[in-house]
Amino acid sequence: MRLDLYHAECCRIADEQSALLQDAQQKLINKQSLSKLEQNGALHGLQILIENAIGKTKHLLKASGESVPVSAYDSFASLHAKKQITDTQLQQWNAAVGLRNRIVHEYMNVDMTVVFALIEQQDYQFIVDFLRQPISIQQSS
């Protein structure tokens, strides 16, 4: 896959999903409740952002000649080992992957008050920023 096209698609998805989450944020800030459909849309938006970031991480590793782990956690750990993300960022990514796993696999146990707080405070913004970052390849030594 051409990385320039992949990056353009990452940016498109980041823009689209963050706009939807910003709409939800405005409703929450204005003390309006989200309908069940809007709640599901917000969860789906977060899931798509996180899954796209996982995919981008794997593309970065592959393009730099690294082995690509199956686990999302291990993919971010590999970026951390290459000093491409900090300790704090690794913790953020582990939390994001955990949220994605909960949305996908433990959907009956998602605490929407936590999700609403995350949306209201835009705690997902680091994911959007990561997706918008130009792809730079660091070859392994």
N, C-alpha and C. Protein backbone atom coordinates (compact mmCIF):
# COMPACT_ATOMS: atom_id res chain seq x y z
N MET A 1 0.84 -1.18 0.00
CA MET A 1 0.00 0.00 0.00
C MET A 1 0.88 1.24 0.00
N ARG A 2 0.50 2.21 -0.79
CA ARG A 2 1.23 3.48 -0.81
C ARG A 2 0.96 4.23 0.48
N LEU A 3 2.03 4.58 1.18
CA LEU A 3 1.89 5.23 2.48
C LEU A 3 1.27 6.62 2.38
N ASP A 4 1.47 7.31 1.25
CA ASP A 4 0.84 8.63 1.11
C ASP A 4 -0.67 8.51 1.04
N LEU A 5 -1.16 7.50 0.34
CA LEU A 5 -2.61 7.27 0.26
C LEU A 5 -3.15 6.80 1.60
N TYR A 6 -2.39 5.96 2.27
CA TYR A 6 -2.80 5.48 3.59
C TYR A 6 -2.90 6.65 4.56
N HIS A 7 -1.90 7.53 4.54
CA HIS A 7 -1.92 8.70 5.42
C HIS A 7 -3.13 9.59 5.12
N ALA A 8 -3.42 9.81 3.85
CA ALA A 8 -4.58 10.63 3.48
C ALA A 8 -5.87 10.03 4.03
N GLU A 9 -5.98 8.72 3.96
CA GLU A 9 -7.17 8.05 4.48
C GLU A 9 -7.23 8.14 6.01
N CYS A 10 -6.08 8.01 6.67
CA CYS A 10 -6.04 8.18 8.13
C CYS A 10 -6.53 9.57 8.52
N CYS A 11 -6.09 10.58 7.79
CA CYS A 11 -6.51 11.96 8.07
C CYS A 11 -8.01 12.13 7.84
N ARG A 12 -8.52 11.54 6.77
CA ARG A 12 -9.95 11.64 6.48
C ARG A 12 -10.77 11.03 7.60
N ILE A 13 -10.37 9.84 8.03
CA ILE A 13 -11.09 9.16 9.11
C ILE A 13 -10.98 9.95 10.41
N ALA A 14 -9.80 10.45 10.71
CA ALA A 14 -9.61 11.25 11.93
C ALA A 14 -10.52 12.47 11.92
N ASP A 15 -10.58 13.15 10.79
CA ASP A 15 -11.42 14.35 10.68
C ASP A 15 -12.90 14.00 10.83
N GLU A 16 -13.31 12.96 10.15
CA GLU A 16 -14.72 12.56 10.16
C GLU A 16 -15.18 12.13 11.56
N GLN A 17 -14.41 11.26 12.18
CA GLN A 17 -14.81 10.73 13.49
C GLN A 17 -14.67 11.78 14.59
N SER A 18 -13.64 12.62 14.51
CA SER A 18 -13.49 13.65 15.55
C SER A 18 -14.61 14.68 15.43
N ALA A 19 -15.08 14.96 14.22
CA ALA A 19 -16.22 15.88 14.06
C ALA A 19 -17.47 15.31 14.71
N LEU A 20 -17.70 14.02 14.54
CA LEU A 20 -18.85 13.38 15.17
C LEU A 20 -18.73 13.42 16.69
N LEU A 21 -17.54 13.16 17.20
CA LEU A 21 -17.34 13.19 18.65
C LEU A 21 -17.45 14.61 19.19
N GLN A 22 -17.06 15.60 18.40
CA GLN A 22 -17.22 16.99 18.83
C GLN A 22 -18.70 17.37 18.91
N ASP A 23 -19.51 16.84 17.99
CA ASP A 23 -20.96 17.06 18.07
C ASP A 23 -21.50 16.49 19.38
N ALA A 24 -21.07 15.29 19.70
CA ALA A 24 -21.51 14.66 20.96
C ALA A 24 -21.01 15.49 22.15
N GLN A 25 -19.78 15.97 22.06
CA GLN A 25 -19.22 16.79 23.14
C GLN A 25 -20.07 18.03 23.39
N GLN A 26 -20.48 18.69 22.33
CA GLN A 26 -21.30 19.90 22.49
C GLN A 26 -22.62 19.60 23.19
N LYS A 27 -23.24 18.49 22.83
CA LYS A 27 -24.49 18.11 23.51
C LYS A 27 -24.23 17.86 24.99
N LEU A 28 -23.15 17.17 25.29
CA LEU A 28 -22.85 16.86 26.69
C LEU A 28 -22.52 18.12 27.48
N ILE A 29 -21.77 19.02 26.89
CA ILE A 29 -21.43 20.29 27.55
C ILE A 29 -22.70 21.10 27.82
N ASN A 30 -23.65 21.03 26.89
CA ASN A 30 -24.92 21.75 27.04
C ASN A 30 -25.93 20.99 27.89
N LYS A 31 -25.45 19.95 28.56
CA LYS A 31 -26.28 19.14 29.48
C LYS A 31 -27.45 18.46 28.77
N GLN A 32 -27.27 18.18 27.47
CA GLN A 32 -28.26 17.41 26.73
C GLN A 32 -27.85 15.95 26.76
N SER A 33 -28.82 15.08 26.83
CA SER A 33 -28.47 13.66 26.83
C SER A 33 -28.31 13.18 25.39
N LEU A 34 -27.51 12.15 25.24
CA LEU A 34 -27.34 11.52 23.93
C LEU A 34 -28.35 10.39 23.82
N SER A 35 -28.99 10.28 22.66
CA SER A 35 -29.90 9.16 22.42
C SER A 35 -29.08 7.87 22.37
N LYS A 36 -29.74 6.75 22.43
CA LYS A 36 -29.04 5.46 22.32
C LYS A 36 -28.28 5.39 21.00
N LEU A 37 -28.89 5.90 19.93
CA LEU A 37 -28.22 5.90 18.63
C LEU A 37 -26.96 6.76 18.67
N GLU A 38 -27.05 7.93 19.30
CA GLU A 38 -25.87 8.80 19.42
C GLU A 38 -24.80 8.17 20.31
N GLN A 39 -25.23 7.50 21.37
CA GLN A 39 -24.27 6.81 22.23
C GLN A 39 -23.53 5.73 21.45
N ASN A 40 -24.28 4.95 20.67
CA ASN A 40 -23.64 3.91 19.86
C ASN A 40 -22.73 4.53 18.81
N GLY A 41 -23.14 5.66 18.25
CA GLY A 41 -22.29 6.36 17.28
C GLY A 41 -20.99 6.85 17.90
N ALA A 42 -21.09 7.35 19.13
CA ALA A 42 -19.89 7.81 19.83
C ALA A 42 -18.94 6.65 20.11
N LEU A 43 -19.50 5.54 20.57
CA LEU A 43 -18.67 4.35 20.82
C LEU A 43 -18.01 3.87 19.53
N HIS A 44 -18.79 3.85 18.45
CA HIS A 44 -18.25 3.41 17.17
C HIS A 44 -17.15 4.37 16.69
N GLY A 45 -17.36 5.67 16.87
CA GLY A 45 -16.35 6.64 16.48
C GLY A 45 -15.04 6.43 17.22
N LEU A 46 -15.13 6.20 18.52
CA LEU A 46 -13.92 5.92 19.31
C LEU A 46 -13.26 4.64 18.84
N GLN A 47 -14.06 3.61 18.61
CA GLN A 47 -13.52 2.32 18.15
C GLN A 47 -12.79 2.50 16.82
N ILE A 48 -13.39 3.21 15.88
CA ILE A 48 -12.78 3.42 14.56
C ILE A 48 -11.46 4.19 14.69
N LEU A 49 -11.45 5.24 15.50
CA LEU A 49 -10.21 6.00 15.69
C LEU A 49 -9.10 5.11 16.24
N ILE A 50 -9.43 4.34 17.27
CA ILE A 50 -8.42 3.49 17.91
C ILE A 50 -7.95 2.40 16.96
N GLU A 51 -8.89 1.76 16.25
CA GLU A 51 -8.49 0.70 15.31
C GLU A 51 -7.64 1.26 14.18
N ASN A 52 -7.96 2.45 13.72
CA ASN A 52 -7.16 3.08 12.68
C ASN A 52 -5.75 3.36 13.19
N ALA A 53 -5.64 3.82 14.43
CA ALA A 53 -4.32 4.08 15.02
C ALA A 53 -3.51 2.80 15.18
N ILE A 54 -4.18 1.72 15.56
CA ILE A 54 -3.50 0.42 15.66
C ILE A 54 -2.96 0.03 14.29
N GLY A 55 -3.79 0.19 13.27
CA GLY A 55 -3.36 -0.13 11.91
C GLY A 55 -2.19 0.72 11.46
N LYS A 56 -2.23 2.01 11.78
CA LYS A 56 -1.13 2.91 11.40
C LYS A 56 0.15 2.49 12.10
N THR A 57 0.06 2.11 13.36
CA THR A 57 1.23 1.65 14.10
C THR A 57 1.86 0.45 13.40
N LYS A 58 1.03 -0.48 13.00
CA LYS A 58 1.54 -1.68 12.33
C LYS A 58 2.16 -1.34 10.98
N HIS A 59 1.57 -0.39 10.25
CA HIS A 59 2.16 0.05 8.98
C HIS A 59 3.52 0.71 9.21
N LEU A 60 3.62 1.53 10.27
CA LEU A 60 4.90 2.18 10.59
C LEU A 60 5.98 1.14 10.89
N LEU A 61 5.62 0.15 11.68
CA LEU A 61 6.59 -0.90 12.03
C LEU A 61 7.02 -1.68 10.79
N LYS A 62 6.06 -2.07 9.97
CA LYS A 62 6.37 -2.85 8.77
C LYS A 62 7.25 -2.03 7.81
N ALA A 63 6.89 -0.77 7.60
CA ALA A 63 7.65 0.07 6.67
C ALA A 63 9.07 0.33 7.15
N SER A 64 9.30 0.25 8.46
CA SER A 64 10.65 0.47 8.98
C SER A 64 11.43 -0.83 9.13
N GLY A 65 10.87 -1.93 8.62
CA GLY A 65 11.58 -3.20 8.63
C GLY A 65 11.46 -3.98 9.92
N GLU A 66 10.58 -3.56 10.81
CA GLU A 66 10.37 -4.25 12.08
C GLU A 66 9.37 -5.39 11.90
N SER A 67 9.44 -6.37 12.78
CA SER A 67 8.39 -7.38 12.78
C SER A 67 7.14 -6.74 13.35
N VAL A 68 6.00 -7.18 12.85
CA VAL A 68 4.73 -6.58 13.24
C VAL A 68 4.01 -7.52 14.20
N PRO A 69 3.87 -7.11 15.45
CA PRO A 69 3.17 -7.96 16.42
C PRO A 69 1.69 -8.10 16.08
N VAL A 70 1.11 -9.19 16.53
CA VAL A 70 -0.33 -9.40 16.36
C VAL A 70 -1.09 -8.50 17.33
N SER A 71 -0.61 -8.42 18.55
CA SER A 71 -1.29 -7.67 19.61
C SER A 71 -1.13 -6.16 19.42
N ALA A 72 -2.22 -5.45 19.61
CA ALA A 72 -2.17 -3.99 19.56
C ALA A 72 -1.27 -3.45 20.66
N TYR A 73 -1.37 -4.04 21.85
CA TYR A 73 -0.52 -3.61 22.96
C TYR A 73 0.96 -3.74 22.58
N ASP A 74 1.31 -4.88 21.97
CA ASP A 74 2.70 -5.12 21.58
C ASP A 74 3.16 -4.18 20.47
N SER A 75 2.23 -3.79 19.59
CA SER A 75 2.58 -2.85 18.53
C SER A 75 3.01 -1.50 19.11
N PHE A 76 2.24 -1.02 20.07
CA PHE A 76 2.61 0.25 20.70
C PHE A 76 3.86 0.09 21.56
N ALA A 77 4.03 -1.07 22.18
CA ALA A 77 5.25 -1.33 22.95
C ALA A 77 6.47 -1.30 22.02
N SER A 78 6.31 -1.78 20.79
CA SER A 78 7.41 -1.74 19.82
C SER A 78 7.76 -0.30 19.45
N LEU A 79 6.75 0.54 19.27
CA LEU A 79 7.03 1.96 19.01
C LEU A 79 7.75 2.59 20.20
N HIS A 80 7.34 2.20 21.39
CA HIS A 80 7.98 2.71 22.61
C HIS A 80 9.44 2.26 22.67
N ALA A 81 9.70 1.01 22.34
CA ALA A 81 11.07 0.48 22.35
C ALA A 81 11.95 1.22 21.34
N LYS A 82 11.34 1.68 20.24
CA LYS A 82 12.07 2.44 19.23
C LYS A 82 12.15 3.93 19.58
N LYS A 83 11.65 4.28 20.77
CA LYS A 83 11.66 5.66 21.26
C LYS A 83 10.83 6.60 20.38
N GLN A 84 9.79 6.04 19.76
CA GLN A 84 8.90 6.87 18.94
C GLN A 84 7.70 7.37 19.74
N ILE A 85 7.47 6.76 20.91
CA ILE A 85 6.47 7.28 21.85
C ILE A 85 7.07 7.22 23.26
N THR A 86 6.60 8.11 24.11
CA THR A 86 7.12 8.22 25.48
C THR A 86 6.42 7.22 26.40
N ASP A 87 6.91 7.13 27.63
CA ASP A 87 6.26 6.29 28.64
C ASP A 87 4.80 6.70 28.84
N THR A 88 4.59 8.00 28.95
CA THR A 88 3.23 8.52 29.15
C THR A 88 2.33 8.19 27.96
N GLN A 89 2.86 8.35 26.76
CA GLN A 89 2.08 8.02 25.56
C GLN A 89 1.77 6.53 25.50
N LEU A 90 2.71 5.69 25.91
CA LEU A 90 2.45 4.25 25.93
C LEU A 90 1.30 3.95 26.88
N GLN A 91 1.27 4.60 28.02
CA GLN A 91 0.16 4.40 28.96
C GLN A 91 -1.17 4.84 28.33
N GLN A 92 -1.15 5.96 27.62
CA GLN A 92 -2.37 6.43 26.95
C GLN A 92 -2.83 5.41 25.91
N TRP A 93 -1.88 4.88 25.14
CA TRP A 93 -2.24 3.92 24.10
C TRP A 93 -2.77 2.62 24.72
N ASN A 94 -2.15 2.18 25.79
CA ASN A 94 -2.65 0.97 26.45
C ASN A 94 -4.08 1.17 26.94
N ALA A 95 -4.37 2.35 27.48
CA ALA A 95 -5.74 2.64 27.93
C ALA A 95 -6.70 2.69 26.74
N ALA A 96 -6.26 3.27 25.62
CA ALA A 96 -7.10 3.35 24.42
C ALA A 96 -7.40 1.96 23.88
N VAL A 97 -6.37 1.12 23.81
CA VAL A 97 -6.57 -0.26 23.33
C VAL A 97 -7.52 -1.00 24.27
N GLY A 98 -7.36 -0.78 25.57
CA GLY A 98 -8.27 -1.40 26.53
C GLY A 98 -9.71 -0.95 26.33
N LEU A 99 -9.91 0.34 26.04
CA LEU A 99 -11.26 0.84 25.75
C LEU A 99 -11.81 0.20 24.50
N ARG A 100 -11.00 0.13 23.46
CA ARG A 100 -11.43 -0.52 22.21
C ARG A 100 -11.83 -1.96 22.47
N ASN A 101 -11.03 -2.68 23.25
CA ASN A 101 -11.35 -4.08 23.55
C ASN A 101 -12.65 -4.19 24.33
N ARG A 102 -12.87 -3.27 25.24
CA ARG A 102 -14.11 -3.28 26.01
C ARG A 102 -15.31 -3.01 25.09
N ILE A 103 -15.19 -2.02 24.20
CA ILE A 103 -16.28 -1.70 23.28
C ILE A 103 -16.61 -2.90 22.40
N VAL A 104 -15.58 -3.58 21.91
CA VAL A 104 -15.78 -4.69 20.97
C VAL A 104 -16.18 -5.98 21.66
N HIS A 105 -15.51 -6.32 22.75
CA HIS A 105 -15.68 -7.64 23.35
C HIS A 105 -16.52 -7.66 24.62
N GLU A 106 -16.55 -6.54 25.33
CA GLU A 106 -17.28 -6.50 26.60
C GLU A 106 -18.32 -5.39 26.56
N TYR A 107 -19.01 -5.30 25.43
CA TYR A 107 -19.94 -4.20 25.17
C TYR A 107 -21.05 -4.08 26.21
N MET A 108 -21.32 -5.14 26.94
CA MET A 108 -22.35 -5.07 27.98
C MET A 108 -21.82 -4.41 29.25
N ASN A 109 -20.51 -4.20 29.31
CA ASN A 109 -19.89 -3.64 30.51
C ASN A 109 -19.18 -2.31 30.25
N VAL A 110 -19.63 -1.57 29.26
CA VAL A 110 -19.04 -0.26 28.99
C VAL A 110 -19.74 0.76 29.88
N ASP A 111 -18.96 1.46 30.68
CA ASP A 111 -19.49 2.49 31.57
C ASP A 111 -19.61 3.79 30.77
N MET A 112 -20.82 4.13 30.38
CA MET A 112 -21.02 5.30 29.53
C MET A 112 -20.67 6.60 30.24
N THR A 113 -20.70 6.64 31.57
CA THR A 113 -20.29 7.87 32.25
C THR A 113 -18.80 8.13 32.02
N VAL A 114 -18.02 7.06 31.97
CA VAL A 114 -16.59 7.20 31.67
C VAL A 114 -16.41 7.67 30.22
N VAL A 115 -17.17 7.07 29.31
CA VAL A 115 -17.09 7.45 27.90
C VAL A 115 -17.51 8.91 27.71
N PHE A 116 -18.59 9.31 28.38
CA PHE A 116 -19.05 10.70 28.27
C PHE A 116 -17.98 11.67 28.77
N ALA A 117 -17.33 11.34 29.87
CA ALA A 117 -16.26 12.19 30.41
C ALA A 117 -15.10 12.27 29.43
N LEU A 118 -14.74 11.15 28.83
CA LEU A 118 -13.67 11.10 27.85
C LEU A 118 -14.00 12.01 26.67
N ILE A 119 -15.25 11.95 26.21
CA ILE A 119 -15.68 12.78 25.07
C ILE A 119 -15.72 14.25 25.47
N GLU A 120 -16.30 14.53 26.62
CA GLU A 120 -16.43 15.92 27.08
C GLU A 120 -15.07 16.59 27.22
N GLN A 121 -14.08 15.85 27.71
CA GLN A 121 -12.74 16.40 27.93
C GLN A 121 -11.82 16.23 26.73
N GLN A 122 -12.34 15.63 25.66
CA GLN A 122 -11.57 15.34 24.44
C GLN A 122 -10.30 14.55 24.73
N ASP A 123 -10.42 13.60 25.63
CA ASP A 123 -9.26 12.77 25.97
C ASP A 123 -8.85 11.83 24.83
N TYR A 124 -9.60 11.80 23.77
CA TYR A 124 -9.27 11.01 22.59
C TYR A 124 -8.42 11.80 21.60
N GLN A 125 -8.17 13.08 21.87
CA GLN A 125 -7.51 13.96 20.90
C GLN A 125 -6.12 13.46 20.51
N PHE A 126 -5.41 12.80 21.43
CA PHE A 126 -4.07 12.30 21.09
C PHE A 126 -4.14 11.27 19.97
N ILE A 127 -5.26 10.56 19.88
CA ILE A 127 -5.43 9.57 18.81
C ILE A 127 -5.60 10.29 17.47
N VAL A 128 -6.44 11.31 17.46
CA VAL A 128 -6.66 12.11 16.25
C VAL A 128 -5.34 12.74 15.81
N ASP A 129 -4.59 13.29 16.75
CA ASP A 129 -3.30 13.91 16.43
C ASP A 129 -2.33 12.88 15.82
N PHE A 130 -2.29 11.69 16.39
CA PHE A 130 -1.43 10.62 15.88
C PHE A 130 -1.81 10.26 14.44
N LEU A 131 -3.11 10.16 14.18
CA LEU A 131 -3.56 9.80 12.84
C LEU A 131 -3.23 10.88 11.83
N ARG A 132 -3.21 12.12 12.25
CA ARG A 132 -2.92 13.24 11.34
C ARG A 132 -1.42 13.46 11.13
N GLN A 133 -0.58 12.89 12.00
CA GLN A 133 0.87 13.08 11.86
C GLN A 133 1.34 12.46 10.55
N PRO A 134 2.19 13.18 9.82
CA PRO A 134 2.77 12.58 8.62
C PRO A 134 3.53 11.30 8.97
N ILE A 135 3.52 10.38 8.05
CA ILE A 135 4.21 9.11 8.27
C ILE A 135 5.68 9.31 7.98
N SER A 136 6.51 9.09 9.00
CA SER A 136 7.95 9.14 8.80
C SER A 136 8.51 7.78 9.21
N ILE A 137 9.32 7.24 8.35
CA ILE A 137 9.85 5.89 8.54
C ILE A 137 11.24 5.98 9.14
N GLN A 138 11.42 5.29 10.26
CA GLN A 138 12.75 5.16 10.87
C GLN A 138 13.20 3.72 10.69
N GLN A 139 14.18 3.54 9.83
CA GLN A 139 14.68 2.20 9.55
C GLN A 139 15.33 1.60 10.79
N SER A 140 15.12 0.30 10.98
CA SER A 140 15.77 -0.36 12.12
C SER A 140 17.25 -0.53 11.82
N SER A 141 18.03 -0.51 12.91
CA SER A 141 19.48 -0.60 12.73
C SER A 141 19.99 -2.00 12.84
